[in-house]
Amino acid sequence: MQYLLQLLVSAFLAILFLQSGVEDRQGNLEWLKGHFAKSPLAGTVPLLFVALIILEVSAGVLSGIGFFALLFAHNSTIAFYGALVSAIAILCLFFGQRMAKEYAGAAILAPYFLLTLVAIYLLGT
């Protein structure tokens, strides 16, 4: 049962972060500049956006490779690191939402973070 849960959570994180990391970057960047215009992060949005994209793509790639490592070698190490990077990415998103005083957006991230914590637990055992 744990093996199946490991596979499912790794696949979920791979899909979530790969899609998020490769979608319309220019459109997202422009939206984020407006979103953070009145926050202390206003001047750093492009740099933080690049860092976030790197985190998201890394989380997705590690989770995707980890899925296949689990499937073929029954080794959860790479998937574990994918979940760990996923948690860091979600924390960054949460921080940004709180700084922008977008409390509803921050609250939406809580279930994703909890799932990621479960993934870390499942993949680390």
N, C-alpha and C. Protein backbone atom coordinates (compact mmCIF):
# COMPACT_ATOMS: atom_id res chain seq x y z
N MET A 1 0.82 -1.19 0.00
CA MET A 1 0.00 0.00 0.00
C MET A 1 0.87 1.26 0.00
N GLN A 2 1.93 1.28 0.81
CA GLN A 2 2.80 2.45 0.86
C GLN A 2 3.46 2.69 -0.50
N TYR A 3 3.83 1.62 -1.17
CA TYR A 3 4.46 1.73 -2.49
C TYR A 3 3.51 2.43 -3.47
N LEU A 4 2.26 2.05 -3.46
CA LEU A 4 1.27 2.67 -4.34
C LEU A 4 1.11 4.15 -4.01
N LEU A 5 1.04 4.47 -2.73
CA LEU A 5 0.93 5.88 -2.32
C LEU A 5 2.17 6.67 -2.75
N GLN A 6 3.33 6.07 -2.64
CA GLN A 6 4.56 6.73 -3.08
C GLN A 6 4.50 7.05 -4.57
N LEU A 7 4.06 6.09 -5.36
CA LEU A 7 3.94 6.30 -6.80
C LEU A 7 2.95 7.43 -7.12
N LEU A 8 1.80 7.38 -6.47
CA LEU A 8 0.76 8.37 -6.75
C LEU A 8 1.18 9.78 -6.36
N VAL A 9 1.78 9.93 -5.20
CA VAL A 9 2.17 11.27 -4.76
C VAL A 9 3.33 11.80 -5.61
N SER A 10 4.22 10.93 -6.05
CA SER A 10 5.32 11.37 -6.93
C SER A 10 4.78 11.82 -8.28
N ALA A 11 3.83 11.07 -8.82
CA ALA A 11 3.22 11.45 -10.10
C ALA A 11 2.48 12.79 -9.96
N PHE A 12 1.74 12.96 -8.87
CA PHE A 12 1.00 14.20 -8.64
C PHE A 12 1.94 15.40 -8.59
N LEU A 13 3.01 15.29 -7.82
CA LEU A 13 3.95 16.41 -7.71
C LEU A 13 4.66 16.68 -9.03
N ALA A 14 4.98 15.64 -9.78
CA ALA A 14 5.62 15.82 -11.09
C ALA A 14 4.70 16.61 -12.02
N ILE A 15 3.44 16.20 -12.09
CA ILE A 15 2.47 16.88 -12.96
C ILE A 15 2.27 18.32 -12.50
N LEU A 16 2.05 18.51 -11.21
CA LEU A 16 1.79 19.83 -10.66
C LEU A 16 2.92 20.82 -10.98
N PHE A 17 4.14 20.43 -10.68
CA PHE A 17 5.24 21.38 -10.80
C PHE A 17 5.80 21.49 -12.21
N LEU A 18 5.73 20.44 -13.01
CA LEU A 18 6.18 20.57 -14.40
C LEU A 18 5.23 21.48 -15.17
N GLN A 19 3.94 21.30 -14.98
CA GLN A 19 2.97 22.16 -15.66
C GLN A 19 3.13 23.60 -15.20
N SER A 20 3.27 23.81 -13.92
CA SER A 20 3.40 25.16 -13.38
C SER A 20 4.70 25.82 -13.83
N GLY A 21 5.76 25.04 -13.93
CA GLY A 21 7.05 25.59 -14.29
C GLY A 21 7.23 25.92 -15.76
N VAL A 22 6.40 25.34 -16.63
CA VAL A 22 6.57 25.56 -18.07
C VAL A 22 5.44 26.36 -18.71
N GLU A 23 4.42 26.73 -17.92
CA GLU A 23 3.31 27.49 -18.51
C GLU A 23 3.75 28.89 -18.89
N ASP A 24 2.86 29.69 -19.40
CA ASP A 24 3.09 31.04 -19.92
C ASP A 24 3.90 31.91 -18.96
N ARG A 25 5.21 31.87 -19.12
CA ARG A 25 6.09 32.60 -18.19
C ARG A 25 5.96 34.11 -18.32
N GLN A 26 5.93 34.61 -19.55
CA GLN A 26 5.88 36.07 -19.72
C GLN A 26 4.57 36.63 -19.19
N GLY A 27 3.47 35.96 -19.46
CA GLY A 27 2.19 36.40 -18.94
C GLY A 27 2.15 36.37 -17.42
N ASN A 28 2.71 35.31 -16.85
CA ASN A 28 2.76 35.19 -15.39
C ASN A 28 3.63 36.27 -14.78
N LEU A 29 4.76 36.54 -15.40
CA LEU A 29 5.66 37.57 -14.87
C LEU A 29 4.96 38.93 -14.86
N GLU A 30 4.28 39.27 -15.94
CA GLU A 30 3.58 40.56 -15.99
C GLU A 30 2.49 40.63 -14.93
N TRP A 31 1.75 39.53 -14.76
CA TRP A 31 0.71 39.51 -13.73
C TRP A 31 1.32 39.67 -12.34
N LEU A 32 2.44 38.98 -12.10
CA LEU A 32 3.08 39.04 -10.78
C LEU A 32 3.62 40.44 -10.47
N LYS A 33 4.11 41.11 -11.48
CA LYS A 33 4.59 42.49 -11.26
C LYS A 33 3.46 43.36 -10.73
N GLY A 34 2.28 43.21 -11.30
CA GLY A 34 1.12 43.96 -10.81
C GLY A 34 0.66 43.48 -9.44
N HIS A 35 0.70 42.18 -9.26
CA HIS A 35 0.25 41.56 -8.01
C HIS A 35 1.10 42.04 -6.82
N PHE A 36 2.40 42.20 -7.04
CA PHE A 36 3.31 42.58 -5.97
C PHE A 36 3.68 44.06 -6.00
N ALA A 37 3.01 44.85 -6.82
CA ALA A 37 3.38 46.26 -7.00
C ALA A 37 3.39 47.04 -5.69
N LYS A 38 2.50 46.70 -4.77
CA LYS A 38 2.41 47.46 -3.50
C LYS A 38 3.00 46.68 -2.33
N SER A 39 3.83 45.69 -2.62
CA SER A 39 4.44 44.90 -1.54
C SER A 39 5.93 45.22 -1.44
N PRO A 40 6.57 44.81 -0.35
CA PRO A 40 8.01 45.03 -0.22
C PRO A 40 8.82 44.26 -1.27
N LEU A 41 8.20 43.31 -1.95
CA LEU A 41 8.91 42.50 -2.95
C LEU A 41 8.84 43.11 -4.35
N ALA A 42 8.21 44.26 -4.51
CA ALA A 42 7.94 44.84 -5.83
C ALA A 42 9.18 44.92 -6.73
N GLY A 43 10.30 45.33 -6.20
CA GLY A 43 11.50 45.51 -7.02
C GLY A 43 12.24 44.22 -7.34
N THR A 44 11.86 43.14 -6.70
CA THR A 44 12.60 41.89 -6.88
C THR A 44 11.79 40.81 -7.62
N VAL A 45 10.63 41.17 -8.13
CA VAL A 45 9.75 40.18 -8.75
C VAL A 45 10.42 39.39 -9.87
N PRO A 46 11.10 40.02 -10.83
CA PRO A 46 11.72 39.21 -11.90
C PRO A 46 12.74 38.19 -11.38
N LEU A 47 13.57 38.60 -10.43
CA LEU A 47 14.58 37.70 -9.87
C LEU A 47 13.91 36.56 -9.09
N LEU A 48 12.94 36.91 -8.26
CA LEU A 48 12.23 35.88 -7.49
C LEU A 48 11.45 34.94 -8.40
N PHE A 49 10.92 35.46 -9.50
CA PHE A 49 10.18 34.65 -10.45
C PHE A 49 11.11 33.60 -11.09
N VAL A 50 12.30 34.00 -11.46
CA VAL A 50 13.27 33.05 -12.03
C VAL A 50 13.62 31.98 -11.00
N ALA A 51 13.86 32.39 -9.76
CA ALA A 51 14.17 31.43 -8.71
C ALA A 51 13.01 30.45 -8.50
N LEU A 52 11.80 30.95 -8.53
CA LEU A 52 10.63 30.10 -8.35
C LEU A 52 10.48 29.12 -9.51
N ILE A 53 10.70 29.58 -10.74
CA ILE A 53 10.62 28.69 -11.90
C ILE A 53 11.66 27.58 -11.77
N ILE A 54 12.86 27.92 -11.34
CA ILE A 54 13.91 26.90 -11.16
C ILE A 54 13.48 25.89 -10.10
N LEU A 55 12.93 26.37 -9.00
CA LEU A 55 12.45 25.47 -7.95
C LEU A 55 11.32 24.57 -8.46
N GLU A 56 10.36 25.15 -9.16
CA GLU A 56 9.22 24.37 -9.64
C GLU A 56 9.64 23.31 -10.65
N VAL A 57 10.46 23.69 -11.61
CA VAL A 57 10.92 22.72 -12.62
C VAL A 57 11.77 21.64 -11.96
N SER A 58 12.63 22.04 -11.02
CA SER A 58 13.44 21.05 -10.30
C SER A 58 12.57 20.07 -9.53
N ALA A 59 11.55 20.60 -8.84
CA ALA A 59 10.63 19.74 -8.09
C ALA A 59 9.92 18.77 -9.03
N GLY A 60 9.46 19.28 -10.16
CA GLY A 60 8.76 18.43 -11.12
C GLY A 60 9.64 17.37 -11.75
N VAL A 61 10.84 17.76 -12.14
CA VAL A 61 11.77 16.81 -12.75
C VAL A 61 12.19 15.74 -11.74
N LEU A 62 12.56 16.16 -10.54
CA LEU A 62 12.94 15.19 -9.52
C LEU A 62 11.78 14.24 -9.18
N SER A 63 10.59 14.78 -9.08
CA SER A 63 9.43 13.93 -8.78
C SER A 63 9.13 12.99 -9.94
N GLY A 64 9.28 13.48 -11.17
CA GLY A 64 9.05 12.62 -12.34
C GLY A 64 10.08 11.51 -12.46
N ILE A 65 11.35 11.86 -12.31
CA ILE A 65 12.41 10.84 -12.34
C ILE A 65 12.22 9.90 -11.16
N GLY A 66 11.86 10.47 -10.01
CA GLY A 66 11.61 9.65 -8.82
C GLY A 66 10.48 8.67 -9.01
N PHE A 67 9.44 9.08 -9.73
CA PHE A 67 8.33 8.17 -10.04
C PHE A 67 8.86 6.94 -10.79
N PHE A 68 9.67 7.19 -11.81
CA PHE A 68 10.20 6.07 -12.60
C PHE A 68 11.21 5.25 -11.81
N ALA A 69 11.99 5.88 -10.95
CA ALA A 69 12.92 5.13 -10.09
C ALA A 69 12.14 4.24 -9.13
N LEU A 70 11.03 4.75 -8.63
CA LEU A 70 10.16 3.93 -7.78
C LEU A 70 9.55 2.78 -8.57
N LEU A 71 9.07 3.09 -9.74
CA LEU A 71 8.38 2.10 -10.56
C LEU A 71 9.30 0.96 -10.98
N PHE A 72 10.50 1.30 -11.41
CA PHE A 72 11.40 0.28 -11.97
C PHE A 72 12.43 -0.26 -11.00
N ALA A 73 12.85 0.55 -10.02
CA ALA A 73 13.90 0.11 -9.11
C ALA A 73 13.44 0.05 -7.65
N HIS A 74 12.21 0.46 -7.41
CA HIS A 74 11.67 0.51 -6.04
C HIS A 74 12.57 1.33 -5.11
N ASN A 75 13.12 2.41 -5.66
CA ASN A 75 14.00 3.30 -4.91
C ASN A 75 13.31 4.66 -4.79
N SER A 76 13.09 5.12 -3.58
CA SER A 76 12.34 6.36 -3.36
C SER A 76 13.22 7.59 -3.13
N THR A 77 14.52 7.45 -3.24
CA THR A 77 15.42 8.56 -2.90
C THR A 77 15.19 9.80 -3.75
N ILE A 78 15.13 9.65 -5.05
CA ILE A 78 14.96 10.81 -5.92
C ILE A 78 13.58 11.44 -5.72
N ALA A 79 12.56 10.61 -5.57
CA ALA A 79 11.21 11.11 -5.33
C ALA A 79 11.16 11.88 -4.00
N PHE A 80 11.89 11.39 -2.99
CA PHE A 80 11.95 12.09 -1.71
C PHE A 80 12.50 13.50 -1.90
N TYR A 81 13.58 13.63 -2.65
CA TYR A 81 14.14 14.95 -2.88
C TYR A 81 13.21 15.82 -3.72
N GLY A 82 12.46 15.20 -4.63
CA GLY A 82 11.45 15.94 -5.38
C GLY A 82 10.40 16.51 -4.45
N ALA A 83 9.96 15.72 -3.48
CA ALA A 83 8.96 16.19 -2.51
C ALA A 83 9.54 17.29 -1.63
N LEU A 84 10.80 17.16 -1.27
CA LEU A 84 11.45 18.17 -0.44
C LEU A 84 11.54 19.51 -1.18
N VAL A 85 11.96 19.47 -2.44
CA VAL A 85 12.03 20.70 -3.24
C VAL A 85 10.62 21.25 -3.47
N SER A 86 9.65 20.38 -3.62
CA SER A 86 8.25 20.81 -3.76
C SER A 86 7.81 21.60 -2.54
N ALA A 87 8.14 21.11 -1.36
CA ALA A 87 7.77 21.80 -0.13
C ALA A 87 8.41 23.19 -0.07
N ILE A 88 9.65 23.28 -0.47
CA ILE A 88 10.34 24.57 -0.48
C ILE A 88 9.67 25.52 -1.46
N ALA A 89 9.30 25.01 -2.64
CA ALA A 89 8.62 25.84 -3.64
C ALA A 89 7.28 26.36 -3.10
N ILE A 90 6.53 25.49 -2.44
CA ILE A 90 5.24 25.91 -1.89
C ILE A 90 5.43 26.94 -0.79
N LEU A 91 6.46 26.77 0.03
CA LEU A 91 6.75 27.77 1.07
C LEU A 91 7.08 29.12 0.44
N CYS A 92 7.81 29.12 -0.65
CA CYS A 92 8.12 30.37 -1.35
C CYS A 92 6.85 31.03 -1.88
N LEU A 93 5.97 30.21 -2.48
CA LEU A 93 4.70 30.73 -2.97
C LEU A 93 3.86 31.30 -1.81
N PHE A 94 3.82 30.58 -0.71
CA PHE A 94 3.07 31.00 0.47
C PHE A 94 3.60 32.33 1.00
N PHE A 95 4.92 32.43 1.09
CA PHE A 95 5.54 33.67 1.55
C PHE A 95 5.15 34.84 0.65
N GLY A 96 5.23 34.61 -0.65
CA GLY A 96 4.87 35.67 -1.60
C GLY A 96 3.42 36.10 -1.47
N GLN A 97 2.52 35.13 -1.32
CA GLN A 97 1.11 35.46 -1.18
C GLN A 97 0.87 36.26 0.11
N ARG A 98 1.52 35.88 1.17
CA ARG A 98 1.36 36.62 2.43
C ARG A 98 1.93 38.03 2.31
N MET A 99 3.07 38.17 1.65
CA MET A 99 3.67 39.50 1.47
C MET A 99 2.78 40.41 0.63
N ALA A 100 2.07 39.82 -0.33
CA ALA A 100 1.16 40.60 -1.18
C ALA A 100 -0.19 40.81 -0.52
N LYS A 101 -0.32 40.28 0.70
CA LYS A 101 -1.58 40.36 1.45
C LYS A 101 -2.72 39.68 0.69
N GLU A 102 -2.38 38.63 -0.02
CA GLU A 102 -3.34 37.81 -0.77
C GLU A 102 -3.63 36.58 0.08
N TYR A 103 -4.42 36.78 1.13
CA TYR A 103 -4.62 35.74 2.13
C TYR A 103 -5.42 34.55 1.60
N ALA A 104 -6.36 34.80 0.71
CA ALA A 104 -7.12 33.69 0.12
C ALA A 104 -6.21 32.81 -0.73
N GLY A 105 -5.31 33.43 -1.49
CA GLY A 105 -4.36 32.67 -2.29
C GLY A 105 -3.40 31.88 -1.43
N ALA A 106 -3.01 32.46 -0.31
CA ALA A 106 -2.12 31.75 0.62
C ALA A 106 -2.83 30.55 1.22
N ALA A 107 -4.10 30.72 1.55
CA ALA A 107 -4.87 29.62 2.15
C ALA A 107 -5.03 28.45 1.19
N ILE A 108 -5.13 28.74 -0.09
CA ILE A 108 -5.28 27.67 -1.09
C ILE A 108 -4.04 26.79 -1.13
N LEU A 109 -2.90 27.33 -0.75
CA LEU A 109 -1.65 26.56 -0.77
C LEU A 109 -1.54 25.55 0.37
N ALA A 110 -2.30 25.74 1.43
CA ALA A 110 -2.20 24.86 2.61
C ALA A 110 -2.42 23.38 2.28
N PRO A 111 -3.45 23.00 1.51
CA PRO A 111 -3.61 21.58 1.19
C PRO A 111 -2.44 21.01 0.38
N TYR A 112 -1.91 21.81 -0.53
CA TYR A 112 -0.75 21.36 -1.30
C TYR A 112 0.45 21.12 -0.39
N PHE A 113 0.62 22.03 0.56
CA PHE A 113 1.75 21.88 1.49
C PHE A 113 1.57 20.63 2.35
N LEU A 114 0.35 20.41 2.83
CA LEU A 114 0.09 19.21 3.64
C LEU A 114 0.34 17.93 2.83
N LEU A 115 -0.10 17.92 1.58
CA LEU A 115 0.17 16.76 0.72
C LEU A 115 1.67 16.55 0.55
N THR A 116 2.39 17.64 0.41
CA THR A 116 3.83 17.54 0.23
C THR A 116 4.50 17.01 1.50
N LEU A 117 4.01 17.42 2.66
CA LEU A 117 4.55 16.88 3.91
C LEU A 117 4.28 15.38 4.03
N VAL A 118 3.09 14.95 3.61
CA VAL A 118 2.77 13.52 3.59
C VAL A 118 3.71 12.80 2.62
N ALA A 119 3.96 13.42 1.47
CA ALA A 119 4.89 12.82 0.51
C ALA A 119 6.28 12.65 1.09
N ILE A 120 6.77 13.66 1.77
CA ILE A 120 8.09 13.57 2.40
C ILE A 120 8.11 12.43 3.40
N TYR A 121 7.06 12.31 4.19
CA TYR A 121 6.98 11.22 5.17
C TYR A 121 6.95 9.86 4.48
N LEU A 122 6.10 9.70 3.49
CA LEU A 122 5.96 8.42 2.79
C LEU A 122 7.24 8.01 2.06
N LEU A 123 7.88 8.98 1.44
CA LEU A 123 9.05 8.69 0.62
C LEU A 123 10.32 8.57 1.45
N GLY A 124 10.29 9.09 2.66
CA GLY A 124 11.47 9.03 3.51
C GLY A 124 11.53 7.79 4.39
N THR A 125 10.49 6.98 4.34
CA THR A 125 10.48 5.77 5.18
C THR A 125 10.73 4.53 4.37
